[in-house]
């Protein structure tokens, strides 16, 4: 099938490359000429394992192209995906849908013949209705259907998530549109991935409900971790004890510094605002968002406490800046709040991240960026592990202790075993392990 992907950011680029790898002809459109020029040179603007290779393969085999010419891409397409950003709107926290609505206007002016317009962007309930109204206003005689097809891609594992999804959610009541979506995703039937067809509004809400529930699991185990520290229990054992219950499940039960990234913070906030607008407030999600926001700053205070109650004039080494491993995404990363708290308390901060330092420089100031983990630790009065990159999981502890000015390690991801760290002579602080 011929597909146009409006937006060549994270979701659009990954989805476009994967659809192309299924055998579809995909054209990714973006208004940023520099981004399109870079993509046409084979330069990928984001770090995602395997994405550069997947893009190069499908460009080489002439199934994947990039352009700024939206009208041409849309005219040639049977399905047009809207994969533009929906950031939190400044001031009130609602999702900013201006990019989605502008895409709808542009698509309406360009489409030719029956077209399925698919919202891949995460959008509040009722957005599909407004997209349909906009298109109808621009082209009253147009033959089209608007479908909701939310993405469930984890940064760092997006290609696997797209090709081997737990489910594919499609929101439509149009039989022709259902046929188009079935054809688009037909290659996944071999993996027995269920395609769930529901109403458009239900599909839109499903995405937000999924993210809010996962954010709730993370926040729940983080609060249990705090309780464990006070009562002398081990949160990792608690997580295993409850996670083996099939009704609960083991995923997203890893205590840490709080969630961040491009989805959970903005999506929980957008869901809260939508629920308030409809006078059906979601108190649990409201609390989750508030607790998570407070937690990230509290992790900075945890580091200060581990340093004897003061970091003024001290150097703190921070390992890991991105909100999770295998991405260069700094959006709402816990490291930002941790580092800001340390700087506010008078500390000098050195940091190292395998992929995120370029992005970090745009949001963090007065930070010295190191060459590697040991360069980061050299002469520091404490080391903080914030993001659990694989390269930080097997550090040479003897070398690390000799490199630090003081053997203080605060492990916010519980990567290391307390008894091993004590054996090597560290003052070791972790999360929720009594």
Protein backbone atom coordinates (compact mmCIF):
# COMPACT_ATOMS: atom_id res chain seq x y z
CA UNK A 1 0.00 0.00 0.00
CA UNK A 2 1.01 3.63 -0.44
CA UNK A 3 1.43 5.42 2.90
CA UNK A 4 2.17 9.03 3.81
CA UNK A 5 3.54 9.67 7.30
CA UNK A 6 3.07 13.30 8.37
CA UNK A 7 5.80 14.00 10.88
CA UNK A 8 9.29 12.48 10.75
CA UNK A 9 9.94 12.59 14.47
CA UNK A 10 10.27 9.59 16.76
CA UNK A 11 6.88 8.00 16.15
CA UNK A 12 6.66 8.91 12.47
CA UNK A 13 10.15 7.77 11.57
CA UNK A 14 9.96 4.46 13.43
CA UNK A 15 6.46 3.71 12.15
CA UNK A 16 7.33 4.73 8.59
CA UNK A 17 10.48 2.61 8.52
CA UNK A 18 8.64 -0.42 9.93
CA UNK A 19 5.72 -0.10 7.49
CA UNK A 20 8.26 0.13 4.67
CA UNK A 21 9.96 -2.99 5.97
CA UNK A 22 6.59 -4.75 5.71
CA UNK A 23 6.67 -3.98 1.98
CA UNK A 24 4.53 -0.84 1.85
CA UNK A 25 5.63 2.27 -0.03
CA UNK A 26 6.10 4.97 2.61
CA UNK A 27 6.81 8.67 2.24
CA UNK A 28 7.69 10.52 5.45
CA UNK A 29 6.85 14.23 5.39
CA UNK A 30 8.23 16.95 7.62
CA UNK A 31 8.14 20.74 7.45
CA UNK A 32 11.73 21.00 8.68
CA UNK A 33 13.92 21.08 5.54
CA UNK A 34 17.11 20.45 7.51
CA UNK A 35 15.65 17.27 9.00
CA UNK A 36 14.57 15.98 5.60
CA UNK A 37 17.94 16.87 4.06
CA UNK A 38 19.68 14.98 6.86
CA UNK A 39 17.44 11.94 6.43
CA UNK A 40 18.09 11.94 2.69
CA UNK A 41 21.82 11.90 3.51
CA UNK A 42 21.24 8.90 5.75
CA UNK A 43 21.58 10.84 9.02
CA UNK A 44 19.08 9.78 11.70
CA UNK A 45 18.05 12.64 14.03
CA UNK A 46 17.32 10.39 17.03
CA UNK A 47 19.08 7.49 18.71
CA UNK A 48 17.05 4.29 18.58
CA UNK A 49 18.76 0.89 18.38
CA UNK A 50 18.47 -0.61 14.90
CA UNK A 51 16.69 2.37 13.36
CA UNK A 52 19.57 3.66 11.22
CA UNK A 53 20.03 0.24 9.67
CA UNK A 54 16.29 -0.22 9.06
CA UNK A 55 15.97 3.20 7.40
CA UNK A 56 19.03 2.63 5.22
CA UNK A 57 17.78 -0.76 4.06
CA UNK A 58 14.35 0.49 3.02
CA UNK A 59 15.70 3.65 1.38
CA UNK A 60 18.08 1.47 -0.58
CA UNK A 61 15.23 -0.81 -1.65
CA UNK A 62 13.17 2.28 -2.63
CA UNK A 63 10.27 1.68 -0.25
CA UNK A 64 11.03 4.63 2.05
CA UNK A 65 11.41 8.26 0.99
CA UNK A 66 11.52 11.65 2.72
CA UNK A 67 10.13 14.97 1.56
CA UNK A 68 8.84 18.38 2.58
CA UNK A 69 6.23 18.21 -0.21
CA UNK A 70 3.10 17.22 1.73
CA UNK A 71 0.59 17.64 -1.15
CA UNK A 72 2.44 15.24 -3.42
CA UNK A 73 2.89 12.64 -0.67
CA UNK A 74 -0.79 12.82 0.33
CA UNK A 75 -2.14 12.70 -3.23
CA UNK A 76 -0.33 9.44 -3.84
CA UNK A 77 -1.36 7.79 -0.55
CA UNK A 78 -4.16 5.42 0.37
CA UNK A 79 -3.48 5.92 4.08
CA UNK A 80 -2.16 9.13 5.64
CA UNK A 81 -0.84 8.99 9.19
CA UNK A 82 -0.70 12.03 11.45
CA UNK A 83 2.37 11.53 13.64
CA UNK A 84 3.12 15.05 14.82
CA UNK A 85 3.89 16.20 18.34
CA UNK A 86 1.22 16.79 20.98
CA UNK A 87 3.21 18.46 23.79
CA UNK A 88 1.66 19.76 26.97
CA UNK A 89 0.23 23.21 26.39
CA UNK A 90 1.90 25.90 28.43
CA UNK A 91 -0.26 27.27 31.18
CA UNK A 92 -2.93 24.62 31.54
CA UNK A 93 -1.38 21.21 30.80
CA UNK A 94 -3.82 20.26 28.04
CA UNK A 95 -2.38 18.52 24.99
CA UNK A 96 -1.41 21.07 22.33
CA UNK A 97 -3.26 19.87 19.24
CA UNK A 98 -2.30 22.72 16.94
CA UNK A 99 0.09 20.54 14.92
CA UNK A 100 -2.55 17.83 14.53
CA UNK A 101 -5.18 20.27 13.33
CA UNK A 102 -2.81 21.98 10.91
CA UNK A 103 -1.89 18.58 9.49
CA UNK A 104 -5.60 17.87 9.03
CA UNK A 105 -6.04 21.10 7.06
CA UNK A 106 -3.02 20.35 4.89
CA UNK A 107 -4.18 16.79 4.23
CA UNK A 108 -7.69 17.95 3.35
CA UNK A 109 -6.37 20.36 0.73
CA UNK A 110 -4.18 17.71 -0.89
CA UNK A 111 -5.94 14.33 -0.76
CA UNK A 112 -7.30 12.74 -3.90
CA UNK A 113 -9.87 9.93 -3.85
CA UNK A 114 -10.85 7.79 -0.87
CA UNK A 115 -8.27 8.32 1.85
CA UNK A 116 -7.93 6.87 5.33
CA UNK A 117 -6.52 9.49 7.71
CA UNK A 118 -5.00 7.89 10.77
CA UNK A 119 -4.10 9.68 13.99
CA UNK A 120 -0.94 8.00 15.28
CA UNK A 121 -0.18 10.90 17.61
CA UNK A 122 -1.39 10.56 21.18
CA UNK A 123 -4.52 12.72 21.31
CA UNK A 124 -7.34 13.32 23.82
CA UNK A 125 -10.81 11.87 23.41
CA UNK A 126 -12.72 13.65 20.69
CA UNK A 127 -9.72 14.74 18.63
CA UNK A 128 -10.70 12.46 15.77
CA UNK A 129 -14.11 14.12 15.68
CA UNK A 130 -12.47 17.53 15.34
CA UNK A 131 -10.06 16.28 12.66
CA UNK A 132 -13.05 14.98 10.70
CA UNK A 133 -14.86 18.30 11.11
CA UNK A 134 -11.82 20.28 9.92
CA UNK A 135 -11.41 18.11 6.84
CA UNK A 136 -15.11 18.32 6.06
CA UNK A 137 -15.00 22.11 6.34
CA UNK A 138 -12.08 22.32 3.92
CA UNK A 139 -13.38 19.65 1.52
CA UNK A 140 -17.14 19.12 1.92
CA UNK A 141 -17.18 16.62 -0.94
CA UNK A 142 -14.15 14.59 0.18
CA UNK A 143 -14.31 10.79 0.46
CA UNK A 144 -12.39 9.84 3.58
CA UNK A 145 -12.42 8.22 7.01
CA UNK A 146 -10.61 9.30 10.18
CA UNK A 147 -9.18 6.44 12.24
CA UNK A 148 -7.45 6.34 15.61
CA UNK A 149 -4.43 4.03 15.74
CA UNK A 150 -2.41 4.93 18.85
CA UNK A 151 1.21 3.88 19.14
CA UNK A 152 2.59 1.84 22.02
CA UNK A 153 6.31 2.16 21.33
CA UNK A 154 8.90 2.08 24.09
CA UNK A 155 11.93 4.20 23.38
CA UNK A 156 14.92 1.89 23.12
CA UNK A 157 12.77 -1.03 21.93
CA UNK A 158 10.51 0.69 19.40
CA UNK A 159 11.22 -1.50 16.37
CA UNK A 160 10.53 -4.70 18.28
CA UNK A 161 7.39 -3.15 19.75
CA UNK A 162 6.12 -2.20 16.29
CA UNK A 163 6.89 -5.55 14.70
CA UNK A 164 5.85 -7.74 17.62
CA UNK A 165 3.15 -5.74 19.41
CA UNK A 166 1.00 -7.00 22.27
CA UNK A 167 -1.97 -5.61 20.36
CA UNK A 168 -2.91 -3.19 17.58
CA UNK A 169 -5.68 -0.77 18.54
CA UNK A 170 -7.81 0.58 15.69
CA UNK A 171 -10.63 3.02 16.31
CA UNK A 172 -13.12 3.15 13.45
CA UNK A 173 -16.68 2.27 12.55
CA UNK A 174 -16.05 2.57 8.81
CA UNK A 175 -15.88 -0.81 7.04
CA UNK A 176 -13.65 0.46 4.23
CA UNK A 177 -11.24 1.99 6.71
CA UNK A 178 -11.16 -1.26 8.65
CA UNK A 179 -10.19 -3.05 5.45
CA UNK A 180 -7.33 -0.61 4.83
CA UNK A 181 -6.02 -1.00 8.38
CA UNK A 182 -6.24 -4.79 8.11
CA UNK A 183 -4.15 -4.67 4.94
CA UNK A 184 -1.58 -2.33 6.48
CA UNK A 185 -1.02 -4.61 9.45
CA UNK A 186 -1.54 -7.94 7.65
CA UNK A 187 2.20 -8.86 7.90
CA UNK A 188 1.80 -9.00 11.68
CA UNK A 189 -0.85 -11.70 11.53
CA UNK A 190 1.94 -14.29 11.32
CA UNK A 191 2.97 -13.14 14.80
CA UNK A 192 -0.65 -13.53 15.91
CA UNK A 193 -0.79 -9.95 17.09
CA UNK A 194 -4.43 -9.19 17.91
CA UNK A 195 -5.99 -6.29 16.04
CA UNK A 196 -8.62 -4.75 18.31
CA UNK A 197 -11.25 -2.72 16.49
CA UNK A 198 -13.31 -0.34 18.59
CA UNK A 199 -14.89 3.08 18.37
CA UNK A 200 -12.60 6.01 17.64
CA UNK A 201 -13.16 7.69 21.01
CA UNK A 202 -12.53 4.40 22.81
CA UNK A 203 -9.23 3.95 20.99
CA UNK A 204 -8.15 7.48 21.88
CA UNK A 205 -8.88 6.88 25.55
CA UNK A 206 -7.22 3.44 25.51
CA UNK A 207 -3.83 5.00 24.84
CA UNK A 208 -4.10 7.42 27.76
CA UNK A 209 -5.49 4.75 30.08
CA UNK A 210 -2.57 2.43 29.27
CA UNK A 211 0.08 5.06 29.97
CA UNK A 212 -1.65 6.26 33.13
CA UNK A 213 -1.85 2.71 34.47
CA UNK A 214 1.85 2.06 33.82
CA UNK A 215 2.75 5.39 35.44
CA UNK A 216 0.64 4.33 38.42
CA UNK A 217 2.55 1.03 38.76
CA UNK A 218 5.87 2.89 38.75
CA UNK A 219 4.69 5.40 41.33
CA UNK A 220 3.17 2.68 43.50
CA UNK A 221 6.40 0.69 43.75
CA UNK A 222 8.35 3.88 44.40
CA UNK A 223 6.16 4.66 47.40
CA UNK A 224 6.49 1.07 48.59
CA UNK A 225 10.27 1.57 48.28
CA UNK A 226 10.07 4.57 50.61
CA UNK A 227 8.16 2.48 53.14
CA UNK A 228 10.72 -0.33 52.82
CA UNK A 229 13.50 2.06 53.79
CA UNK A 230 11.66 2.98 56.97
CA UNK A 231 10.70 -0.54 58.05
CA UNK A 232 13.82 -2.41 56.94
CA UNK A 233 12.29 -4.34 54.05
CA UNK A 234 13.59 -4.94 50.52
CA UNK A 235 11.54 -3.47 47.69
CA UNK A 236 13.04 -5.81 45.10
CA UNK A 237 11.75 -8.82 47.03
CA UNK A 238 8.38 -7.12 47.46
CA UNK A 239 8.23 -6.46 43.71
CA UNK A 240 9.02 -10.09 42.94
CA UNK A 241 6.50 -11.26 45.51
CA UNK A 242 3.66 -9.28 43.98
CA UNK A 243 4.84 -9.37 40.35
CA UNK A 244 4.60 -13.16 40.14
CA UNK A 245 0.87 -12.74 40.68
CA UNK A 246 -0.49 -12.89 37.13
CA UNK A 247 -3.13 -10.33 38.01
CA UNK A 248 -0.37 -7.80 38.71
CA UNK A 249 2.59 -8.75 36.50
CA UNK A 250 6.29 -8.07 37.01
CA UNK A 251 6.82 -5.23 34.54
CA UNK A 252 7.05 -1.58 35.66
CA UNK A 253 7.71 -2.62 39.26
CA UNK A 254 11.32 -1.41 39.44
CA UNK A 255 11.82 1.25 42.10
CA UNK A 256 13.79 4.29 41.04
CA UNK A 257 13.88 8.07 40.78
CA UNK A 258 10.49 8.44 39.07
CA UNK A 259 9.27 8.28 35.50
CA UNK A 260 10.13 10.75 32.75
CA UNK A 261 10.27 10.77 28.97
CA UNK A 262 8.07 11.95 26.16
CA UNK A 263 4.89 10.09 27.12
CA UNK A 264 4.07 9.45 30.77
CA UNK A 265 4.44 13.02 32.11
CA UNK A 266 2.45 14.74 29.37
CA UNK A 267 -0.09 11.95 28.89
CA UNK A 268 -1.01 11.67 32.57
CA UNK A 269 -1.42 15.45 32.68
CA UNK A 270 -3.54 15.50 29.52
CA UNK A 271 -5.76 12.73 30.89
CA UNK A 272 -6.19 14.62 34.16
CA UNK A 273 -7.24 17.76 32.28
CA UNK A 274 -9.64 15.87 30.02
CA UNK A 275 -11.26 14.19 33.03
CA UNK A 276 -11.64 17.54 34.78
CA UNK A 277 -13.21 19.07 31.67
CA UNK A 278 -15.82 16.29 31.63
CA UNK A 279 -16.35 16.63 35.41
CA UNK A 280 -15.13 13.06 35.95
CA UNK A 281 -11.85 13.68 37.83
CA UNK A 282 -9.37 10.81 38.08
CA UNK A 283 -8.01 11.25 41.59
CA UNK A 284 -5.59 8.34 41.39
CA UNK A 285 -3.85 9.73 38.31
CA UNK A 286 -3.80 13.23 39.81
CA UNK A 287 -1.95 11.83 42.82
CA UNK A 288 0.41 9.80 40.63
CA UNK A 289 1.47 12.89 38.70
CA UNK A 290 1.98 14.94 41.87
CA UNK A 291 3.95 12.22 43.68
CA UNK A 292 6.19 11.58 40.69
CA UNK A 293 6.99 15.26 40.29
CA UNK A 294 7.97 15.51 43.95
CA UNK A 295 9.99 12.30 43.87
CA UNK A 296 12.54 13.40 41.29
CA UNK A 297 13.56 16.40 43.38
CA UNK A 298 13.57 14.21 46.49
CA UNK A 299 16.23 12.02 44.88
CA UNK A 300 18.54 15.03 44.90
CA UNK A 301 17.96 15.36 48.64
CA UNK A 302 18.71 11.65 49.01
CA UNK A 303 22.14 12.22 47.47
CA UNK A 304 22.78 15.19 49.75
CA UNK A 305 21.88 13.07 52.80
CA UNK A 306 24.30 10.34 51.65
CA UNK A 307 27.04 12.98 51.53
CA UNK A 308 26.57 13.82 55.20
CA UNK A 309 23.86 16.41 54.75
CA UNK A 310 25.79 18.90 52.63
CA UNK A 311 27.30 18.97 49.14
CA UNK A 312 28.39 22.61 49.20
CA UNK A 313 31.79 22.84 47.58
CA UNK A 314 31.77 19.14 46.73
CA UNK A 315 31.89 17.44 43.34
CA UNK A 316 29.18 14.91 42.50
CA UNK A 317 29.53 12.54 39.54
CA UNK A 318 26.29 11.59 37.76
CA UNK A 319 26.14 8.52 35.54
CA UNK A 320 23.19 8.49 33.13
CA UNK A 321 21.24 11.52 31.98
CA UNK A 322 18.51 10.28 29.62
CA UNK A 323 15.18 9.27 31.11
CA UNK A 324 15.91 5.61 30.30
CA UNK A 325 18.68 3.59 28.59
CA UNK A 326 19.00 3.14 24.82
CA UNK A 327 17.69 6.57 23.93
CA UNK A 328 19.03 10.11 23.71
CA UNK A 329 15.74 11.57 25.01
CA UNK A 330 16.11 14.07 27.86
CA UNK A 331 12.45 15.06 28.09
CA UNK A 332 11.42 15.18 31.77
CA UNK A 333 14.41 13.00 32.68
CA UNK A 334 14.85 12.51 36.45
CA UNK A 335 18.50 13.53 36.06
CA UNK A 336 17.39 17.12 35.41
CA UNK A 337 15.73 17.46 38.81
CA UNK A 338 18.48 15.55 40.60
CA UNK A 339 21.25 17.70 39.12
CA UNK A 340 19.31 20.92 39.69
CA UNK A 341 18.79 20.02 43.35
CA UNK A 342 22.50 19.28 43.75
CA UNK A 343 23.51 22.53 42.08
CA UNK A 344 21.05 24.50 44.20
CA UNK A 345 22.74 22.97 47.26
CA UNK A 346 26.15 24.17 46.09
CA UNK A 347 27.58 21.08 44.39
CA UNK A 348 29.70 20.96 41.26
CA UNK A 349 28.32 18.31 38.91
CA UNK A 350 30.18 16.13 36.46
CA UNK A 351 28.16 13.84 34.21
CA UNK A 352 28.46 11.12 31.61
CA UNK A 353 25.86 9.48 29.38
CA UNK A 354 26.58 7.22 26.37
CA UNK A 355 24.08 8.99 24.08
CA UNK A 356 22.39 11.87 25.87
CA UNK A 357 25.05 14.50 26.50
CA UNK A 358 24.33 16.58 23.41
CA UNK A 359 20.65 16.81 24.32
CA UNK A 360 21.52 17.38 27.98
CA UNK A 361 23.56 20.48 27.16
CA UNK A 362 20.36 22.15 25.95
CA UNK A 363 18.63 21.75 29.33
CA UNK A 364 21.43 21.62 31.91
CA UNK A 365 23.97 24.37 32.56
CA UNK A 366 27.22 24.48 34.53
CA UNK A 367 27.76 20.73 34.16
CA UNK A 368 31.14 19.26 33.21
CA UNK A 369 30.64 16.43 30.71
CA UNK A 370 33.08 13.55 30.98
CA UNK A 371 34.56 11.09 28.46
CA UNK A 372 33.45 7.93 30.25
CA UNK A 373 32.30 6.65 33.63
CA UNK A 374 35.75 6.67 35.24
CA UNK A 375 36.60 10.13 33.93
CA UNK A 376 33.30 11.27 35.42
CA UNK A 377 34.15 9.73 38.80
CA UNK A 378 37.70 11.08 38.98
CA UNK A 379 38.10 13.11 42.18
CA UNK A 380 34.37 13.21 42.92
CA UNK A 381 33.06 13.20 46.47
CA UNK A 382 30.13 10.99 45.49
CA UNK A 383 28.82 9.10 42.47
CA UNK A 384 25.14 8.87 41.55
CA UNK A 385 23.79 6.27 39.13
CA UNK A 386 20.63 7.75 37.61
CA UNK A 387 20.10 5.83 34.34
CA UNK A 388 20.85 2.11 34.15
CA UNK A 389 22.75 1.90 30.85
CA UNK A 390 24.32 -1.53 30.32
CA UNK A 391 27.78 0.05 30.34
CA UNK A 392 27.24 1.03 34.00
CA UNK A 393 26.16 -2.44 35.16
CA UNK A 394 29.61 -4.00 35.50
CA UNK A 395 31.95 -1.21 36.54
CA UNK A 396 35.36 -2.19 37.93
CA UNK A 397 34.59 -1.48 41.57
CA UNK A 398 38.23 -1.52 42.68
CA UNK A 399 39.13 1.02 40.01
CA UNK A 400 36.03 3.08 40.78
CA UNK A 401 36.89 3.30 44.49
CA UNK A 402 40.43 4.36 43.70
CA UNK A 403 39.14 7.00 41.27
CA UNK A 404 36.67 8.65 43.65
CA UNK A 405 37.83 11.12 46.28
CA UNK A 406 35.29 9.62 48.68
CA UNK A 407 33.77 6.12 48.28
CA UNK A 408 30.12 7.26 48.30
CA UNK A 409 27.78 5.69 45.72
CA UNK A 410 24.07 6.46 45.45
CA UNK A 411 22.44 3.90 43.17
CA UNK A 412 18.99 5.17 42.18
CA UNK A 413 18.35 2.10 39.98
CA UNK A 414 19.44 -0.67 42.38
CA UNK A 415 21.93 -2.01 39.84
CA UNK A 416 24.46 -3.24 42.40
CA UNK A 417 24.21 -5.61 45.36
CA UNK A 418 24.60 -3.87 48.74
CA UNK A 419 26.78 -6.60 50.21
CA UNK A 420 29.17 -6.43 47.23
CA UNK A 421 29.47 -2.65 47.48
CA UNK A 422 30.16 -2.83 51.22
CA UNK A 423 32.77 -5.50 50.63
CA UNK A 424 34.59 -3.12 48.28
CA UNK A 425 34.54 -0.41 50.93
CA UNK A 426 31.79 1.85 49.57
CA UNK A 427 29.27 3.85 51.50
CA UNK A 428 26.40 2.60 49.40
CA UNK A 429 22.84 3.94 49.26
CA UNK A 430 20.13 2.44 47.04
CA UNK A 431 16.36 2.71 46.75
CA UNK A 432 13.99 0.78 49.02
CA UNK A 433 16.48 -1.76 50.30
CA UNK A 434 16.27 -1.08 54.03
